[in-house]
Amino acid sequence: MSDVSHKPPITPILAPEDLETLGRQHLQLMAEVWILRDRVKLLESVLESAGLLKSGQLDDLVPDDRLREALAQDRDAFVERIVGVDPQERTVERLKSHGR
């Protein structure tokens, strides 16, 4: 049985009064994700109807090297913009210092 008293204290990132703001942000992000999912489905439907896309084709798509690199760059820029940490520097120490 481990002794929990040896764990270092957790430094809170948010104050209790931030909870309402965080909740509103969460709901807004959920709405944005749903809108994006809805639009992607509509776009897939239009492309399928026009004969430009087969059903399930995107699920089986494997990006080529150029597209894979572009997607990775977009993802890393997104992570850095939202989290504030360069994805190439995602170390435990870097993430810990980010919250201070």
Protein backbone atom coordinates (compact mmCIF):
# COMPACT_ATOMS: atom_id res chain seq x y z
CA MET A 1 0.00 0.00 0.00
CA SER A 2 1.51 3.33 -1.04
CA ASP A 3 1.63 6.42 1.13
CA VAL A 4 -0.16 9.27 -0.67
CA SER A 5 1.41 11.90 1.60
CA HIS A 6 4.66 11.79 -0.42
CA LYS A 7 3.06 13.27 -3.55
CA PRO A 8 4.08 16.87 -4.29
CA PRO A 9 1.30 19.42 -3.95
CA ILE A 10 -0.54 20.32 -7.15
CA THR A 11 -0.31 23.97 -8.15
CA PRO A 12 -3.73 24.96 -9.50
CA ILE A 13 -3.81 26.56 -12.92
CA LEU A 14 -7.37 27.86 -12.57
CA ALA A 15 -8.98 29.72 -9.72
CA PRO A 16 -12.45 28.61 -8.57
CA GLU A 17 -13.97 31.70 -10.21
CA ASP A 18 -12.61 30.50 -13.58
CA LEU A 19 -14.97 27.52 -13.61
CA GLU A 20 -17.89 29.42 -15.17
CA THR A 21 -15.69 30.78 -17.95
CA LEU A 22 -14.18 27.35 -18.55
CA GLY A 23 -17.66 25.83 -18.77
CA ARG A 24 -18.79 28.42 -21.33
CA GLN A 25 -15.62 27.88 -23.36
CA HIS A 26 -16.14 24.12 -23.28
CA LEU A 27 -19.73 24.43 -24.53
CA GLN A 28 -18.63 26.83 -27.28
CA LEU A 29 -15.90 24.43 -28.41
CA MET A 30 -18.42 21.57 -28.44
CA ALA A 31 -20.70 23.67 -30.67
CA GLU A 32 -17.82 24.51 -33.01
CA VAL A 33 -16.78 20.86 -33.28
CA TRP A 34 -20.34 19.83 -34.06
CA ILE A 35 -20.64 22.51 -36.77
CA LEU A 36 -17.38 21.30 -38.33
CA ARG A 37 -18.49 17.65 -38.21
CA ASP A 38 -21.82 18.59 -39.77
CA ARG A 39 -20.16 20.57 -42.56
CA VAL A 40 -17.70 17.75 -43.32
CA LYS A 41 -20.58 15.26 -43.64
CA LEU A 42 -22.46 17.70 -45.93
CA LEU A 43 -19.34 18.22 -48.04
CA GLU A 44 -18.77 14.46 -48.31
CA SER A 45 -22.39 14.03 -49.39
CA VAL A 46 -22.06 16.70 -52.11
CA LEU A 47 -18.80 15.17 -53.38
CA GLU A 48 -20.32 11.66 -53.40
CA SER A 49 -23.41 12.91 -55.26
CA ALA A 50 -21.16 14.55 -57.86
CA GLY A 51 -19.22 11.30 -58.29
CA LEU A 52 -16.02 12.86 -57.00
CA LEU A 53 -15.83 10.77 -53.85
CA LYS A 54 -16.78 7.16 -53.13
CA SER A 55 -18.50 6.27 -49.85
CA GLY A 56 -15.83 5.48 -47.23
CA GLN A 57 -13.00 6.67 -49.47
CA LEU A 58 -11.76 9.19 -46.91
CA ASP A 59 -11.69 6.53 -44.19
CA ASP A 60 -9.23 4.46 -46.21
CA LEU A 61 -7.14 7.40 -47.45
CA VAL A 62 -3.45 7.28 -46.56
CA PRO A 63 -1.85 10.70 -47.11
CA ASP A 64 1.28 10.90 -49.20
CA ASP A 65 4.48 12.30 -47.68
CA ARG A 66 3.74 15.89 -48.74
CA LEU A 67 0.23 15.88 -47.27
CA ARG A 68 1.37 14.03 -44.13
CA GLU A 69 4.03 16.72 -43.54
CA ALA A 70 1.49 19.53 -44.13
CA LEU A 71 -0.96 17.92 -41.69
CA ALA A 72 1.80 17.51 -39.07
CA GLN A 73 2.80 21.17 -39.43
CA ASP A 74 -0.82 22.30 -39.07
CA ARG A 75 -1.28 20.07 -36.02
CA ASP A 76 1.91 21.31 -34.36
CA ALA A 77 1.00 24.96 -35.00
CA PHE A 78 -2.45 24.31 -33.50
CA VAL A 79 -0.97 22.68 -30.39
CA GLU A 80 1.51 25.51 -29.94
CA ARG A 81 -1.22 28.16 -30.40
CA ILE A 82 -3.68 26.52 -28.01
CA VAL A 83 -1.38 24.98 -25.40
CA GLY A 84 1.48 27.45 -25.79
CA VAL A 85 4.15 24.77 -26.05
CA ASP A 86 6.13 23.93 -29.17
CA PRO A 87 5.20 20.29 -29.93
CA GLN A 88 8.89 19.53 -30.48
CA GLU A 89 9.58 20.62 -26.88
CA ARG A 90 6.84 18.58 -25.21
CA THR A 91 8.80 17.52 -22.20
CA VAL A 92 7.46 17.08 -18.70
CA GLU A 93 9.60 19.95 -17.40
CA ARG A 94 8.48 22.29 -20.21
CA LEU A 95 4.81 21.48 -19.60
CA LYS A 96 5.22 21.97 -15.84
CA SER A 97 6.85 25.36 -16.31
CA HIS A 98 4.11 26.44 -18.75
CA GLY A 99 1.51 26.52 -15.96
CA ARG A 100 3.55 28.94 -13.83
